[in-house]
Amino acid sequence: LQATGRPLVTMCPICLANLRRAGAEVMDLSTLLAEFAGSGKNG
């Protein structure tokens, strides 16, 4: 793995905290799903 997309998505709270601490742009899966559901882009 040479590069990742932005933001990274995780469903593990420990991973989320560690990735944020390391400086990664990361968000929780539940946040992403909530934004997607509220955007009207889901069908």
PDB file of N, CA and C in Angstrom:
ATOM      1  N   LEU A   1       0.850  -1.179   0.000  1.00  0.00           N
ATOM      2  CA  LEU A   1       0.000   0.000   0.000  1.00  0.00           C
ATOM      3  C   LEU A   1       0.890   1.234   0.000  1.00  0.00           C
ATOM      4  N   GLN A   2       0.812   1.996  -1.064  1.00  0.00           N
ATOM      5  CA  GLN A   2       1.644   3.192  -1.166  1.00  0.00           C
ATOM      6  C   GLN A   2       0.895   4.467  -0.814  1.00  0.00           C
ATOM      7  N   ALA A   3      -0.399   4.498  -1.084  1.00  0.00           N
ATOM      8  CA  ALA A   3      -1.181   5.701  -0.797  1.00  0.00           C
ATOM      9  C   ALA A   3      -2.607   5.297  -0.447  1.00  0.00           C
ATOM     10  N   THR A   4      -3.279   6.152   0.276  1.00  0.00           N
ATOM     11  CA  THR A   4      -4.670   5.905   0.635  1.00  0.00           C
ATOM     12  C   THR A   4      -5.530   7.053   0.147  1.00  0.00           C
ATOM     13  N   GLY A   5      -6.807   6.789   0.080  1.00  0.00           N
ATOM     14  CA  GLY A   5      -7.740   7.865  -0.224  1.00  0.00           C
ATOM     15  C   GLY A   5      -7.976   8.701   1.017  1.00  0.00           C
ATOM     16  N   ARG A   6      -8.701   9.760   0.869  1.00  0.00           N
ATOM     17  CA  ARG A   6      -8.994  10.621   2.008  1.00  0.00           C
ATOM     18  C   ARG A   6     -10.478  10.797   2.110  1.00  0.00           C
ATOM     19  N   PRO A   7     -11.086  10.739   3.213  1.00  0.00           N
ATOM     20  CA  PRO A   7     -10.518  10.305   4.488  1.00  0.00           C
ATOM     21  C   PRO A   7     -10.533   8.786   4.612  1.00  0.00           C
ATOM     22  N   LEU A   8      -9.732   8.294   5.518  1.00  0.00           N
ATOM     23  CA  LEU A   8      -9.799   6.881   5.881  1.00  0.00           C
ATOM     24  C   LEU A   8     -11.080   6.678   6.685  1.00  0.00           C
ATOM     25  N   VAL A   9     -11.662   5.508   6.595  1.00  0.00           N
ATOM     26  CA  VAL A   9     -12.877   5.200   7.353  1.00  0.00           C
ATOM     27  C   VAL A   9     -12.606   3.967   8.204  1.00  0.00           C
ATOM     28  N   THR A  10     -12.992   4.044   9.470  1.00  0.00           N
ATOM     29  CA  THR A  10     -12.812   2.919  10.383  1.00  0.00           C
ATOM     30  C   THR A  10     -14.068   2.726  11.215  1.00  0.00           C
ATOM     31  N   MET A  11     -14.299   1.511  11.662  1.00  0.00           N
ATOM     32  CA  MET A  11     -15.416   1.265  12.572  1.00  0.00           C
ATOM     33  C   MET A  11     -14.923   0.858  13.957  1.00  0.00           C
ATOM     34  N   CYS A  12     -13.634   0.923  14.163  1.00  0.00           N
ATOM     35  CA  CYS A  12     -13.020   0.565  15.435  1.00  0.00           C
ATOM     36  C   CYS A  12     -12.621   1.847  16.174  1.00  0.00           C
ATOM     37  N   PRO A  13     -13.198   2.121  17.354  1.00  0.00           N
ATOM     38  CA  PRO A  13     -12.871   3.350  18.075  1.00  0.00           C
ATOM     39  C   PRO A  13     -11.394   3.463  18.449  1.00  0.00           C
ATOM     40  N   ILE A  14     -10.760   2.350  18.748  1.00  0.00           N
ATOM     41  CA  ILE A  14      -9.337   2.382  19.092  1.00  0.00           C
ATOM     42  C   ILE A  14      -8.514   2.748  17.861  1.00  0.00           C
ATOM     43  N   CYS A  15      -8.867   2.157  16.723  1.00  0.00           N
ATOM     44  CA  CYS A  15      -8.171   2.482  15.472  1.00  0.00           C
ATOM     45  C   CYS A  15      -8.378   3.948  15.114  1.00  0.00           C
ATOM     46  N   LEU A  16      -9.598   4.436  15.284  1.00  0.00           N
ATOM     47  CA  LEU A  16      -9.913   5.834  14.997  1.00  0.00           C
ATOM     48  C   LEU A  16      -9.012   6.758  15.814  1.00  0.00           C
ATOM     49  N   ALA A  17      -8.915   6.497  17.097  1.00  0.00           N
ATOM     50  CA  ALA A  17      -8.082   7.328  17.969  1.00  0.00           C
ATOM     51  C   ALA A  17      -6.613   7.253  17.577  1.00  0.00           C
ATOM     52  N   ASN A  18      -6.118   6.063  17.293  1.00  0.00           N
ATOM     53  CA  ASN A  18      -4.710   5.907  16.928  1.00  0.00           C
ATOM     54  C   ASN A  18      -4.393   6.580  15.600  1.00  0.00           C
ATOM     55  N   LEU A  19      -5.279   6.444  14.624  1.00  0.00           N
ATOM     56  CA  LEU A  19      -5.049   7.074  13.323  1.00  0.00           C
ATOM     57  C   LEU A  19      -5.090   8.594  13.432  1.00  0.00           C
ATOM     58  N   ARG A  20      -6.023   9.120  14.219  1.00  0.00           N
ATOM     59  CA  ARG A  20      -6.077  10.576  14.428  1.00  0.00           C
ATOM     60  C   ARG A  20      -4.807  11.063  15.112  1.00  0.00           C
ATOM     61  N   ARG A  21      -4.363  10.316  16.101  1.00  0.00           N
ATOM     62  CA  ARG A  21      -3.144  10.684  16.825  1.00  0.00           C
ATOM     63  C   ARG A  21      -1.939  10.693  15.889  1.00  0.00           C
ATOM     64  N   ALA A  22      -1.957   9.808  14.895  1.00  0.00           N
ATOM     65  CA  ALA A  22      -0.859   9.729  13.926  1.00  0.00           C
ATOM     66  C   ALA A  22      -0.962  10.806  12.848  1.00  0.00           C
ATOM     67  N   GLY A  23      -2.066  11.568  12.867  1.00  0.00           N
ATOM     68  CA  GLY A  23      -2.202  12.669  11.922  1.00  0.00           C
ATOM     69  C   GLY A  23      -2.985  12.347  10.663  1.00  0.00           C
ATOM     70  N   ALA A  24      -3.621  11.186  10.621  1.00  0.00           N
ATOM     71  CA  ALA A  24      -4.386  10.804   9.433  1.00  0.00           C
ATOM     72  C   ALA A  24      -5.737  11.512   9.421  1.00  0.00           C
ATOM     73  N   GLU A  25      -6.236  11.760   8.223  1.00  0.00           N
ATOM     74  CA  GLU A  25      -7.597  12.264   8.065  1.00  0.00           C
ATOM     75  C   GLU A  25      -8.504  11.041   8.104  1.00  0.00           C
ATOM     76  N   VAL A  26      -9.270  10.900   9.180  1.00  0.00           N
ATOM     77  CA  VAL A  26     -10.028   9.672   9.408  1.00  0.00           C
ATOM     78  C   VAL A  26     -11.401  10.001   9.974  1.00  0.00           C
ATOM     79  N   MET A  27     -12.380   9.184   9.639  1.00  0.00           N
ATOM     80  CA  MET A  27     -13.713   9.353  10.206  1.00  0.00           C
ATOM     81  C   MET A  27     -14.299   7.994  10.552  1.00  0.00           C
ATOM     82  N   ASP A  28     -15.252   8.017  11.463  1.00  0.00           N
ATOM     83  CA  ASP A  28     -15.919   6.799  11.901  1.00  0.00           C
ATOM     84  C   ASP A  28     -16.952   6.377  10.859  1.00  0.00           C
ATOM     85  N   LEU A  29     -17.109   5.082  10.655  1.00  0.00           N
ATOM     86  CA  LEU A  29     -18.056   4.557   9.676  1.00  0.00           C
ATOM     87  C   LEU A  29     -19.478   5.030   9.965  1.00  0.00           C
ATOM     88  N   SER A  30     -19.868   5.076  11.222  1.00  0.00           N
ATOM     89  CA  SER A  30     -21.230   5.507  11.557  1.00  0.00           C
ATOM     90  C   SER A  30     -21.468   6.958  11.155  1.00  0.00           C
ATOM     91  N   THR A  31     -20.458   7.801  11.265  1.00  0.00           N
ATOM     92  CA  THR A  31     -20.573   9.190  10.833  1.00  0.00           C
ATOM     93  C   THR A  31     -20.748   9.267   9.328  1.00  0.00           C
ATOM     94  N   LEU A  32     -19.972   8.493   8.603  1.00  0.00           N
ATOM     95  CA  LEU A  32     -20.078   8.464   7.148  1.00  0.00           C
ATOM     96  C   LEU A  32     -21.466   8.001   6.715  1.00  0.00           C
ATOM     97  N   LEU A  33     -21.973   6.939   7.331  1.00  0.00           N
ATOM     98  CA  LEU A  33     -23.297   6.425   6.983  1.00  0.00           C
ATOM     99  C   LEU A  33     -24.395   7.433   7.315  1.00  0.00           C
ATOM    100  N   ALA A  34     -24.272   8.117   8.436  1.00  0.00           N
ATOM    101  CA  ALA A  34     -25.265   9.122   8.816  1.00  0.00           C
ATOM    102  C   ALA A  34     -25.271  10.279   7.827  1.00  0.00           C
ATOM    103  N   GLU A  35     -24.092  10.718   7.397  1.00  0.00           N
ATOM    104  CA  GLU A  35     -24.008  11.793   6.409  1.00  0.00           C
ATOM    105  C   GLU A  35     -24.597  11.341   5.079  1.00  0.00           C
ATOM    106  N   PHE A  36     -24.306  10.118   4.677  1.00  0.00           N
ATOM    107  CA  PHE A  36     -24.818   9.580   3.422  1.00  0.00           C
ATOM    108  C   PHE A  36     -26.338   9.465   3.472  1.00  0.00           C
ATOM    109  N   ALA A  37     -26.873   8.971   4.576  1.00  0.00           N
ATOM    110  CA  ALA A  37     -28.319   8.803   4.715  1.00  0.00           C
ATOM    111  C   ALA A  37     -29.031  10.153   4.707  1.00  0.00           C
ATOM    112  N   GLY A  38     -28.405  11.158   5.291  1.00  0.00           N
ATOM    113  CA  GLY A  38     -29.015  12.479   5.346  1.00  0.00           C
ATOM    114  C   GLY A  38     -28.845  13.295   4.084  1.00  0.00           C
ATOM    115  N   SER A  39     -27.990  12.840   3.175  1.00  0.00           N
ATOM    116  CA  SER A  39     -27.693  13.622   1.975  1.00  0.00           C
ATOM    117  C   SER A  39     -28.697  13.411   0.856  1.00  0.00           C
ATOM    118  N   GLY A  40     -29.484  12.346   0.923  1.00  0.00           N
ATOM    119  CA  GLY A  40     -30.426  12.040  -0.145  1.00  0.00           C
ATOM    120  C   GLY A  40     -29.794  11.339  -1.327  1.00  0.00           C
ATOM    121  N   LYS A  41     -28.515  10.956  -1.213  1.00  0.00           N
ATOM    122  CA  LYS A  41     -27.809  10.291  -2.309  1.00  0.00           C
ATOM    123  C   LYS A  41     -27.961   8.776  -2.263  1.00  0.00           C
ATOM    124  N   ASN A  42     -28.773   8.284  -1.364  1.00  0.00           N
ATOM    125  CA  ASN A  42     -28.890   6.841  -1.172  1.00  0.00           C
ATOM    126  C   ASN A  42     -30.049   6.222  -1.953  1.00  0.00           C
ATOM    127  N   GLY A  43     -30.539   6.908  -2.930  1.00  0.00           N
ATOM    128  CA  GLY A  43     -31.554   6.273  -3.751  1.00  0.00           C
ATOM    129  C   GLY A  43     -32.750   7.051  -3.851  1.00  0.00           C
TER     130      GLY A  43
END
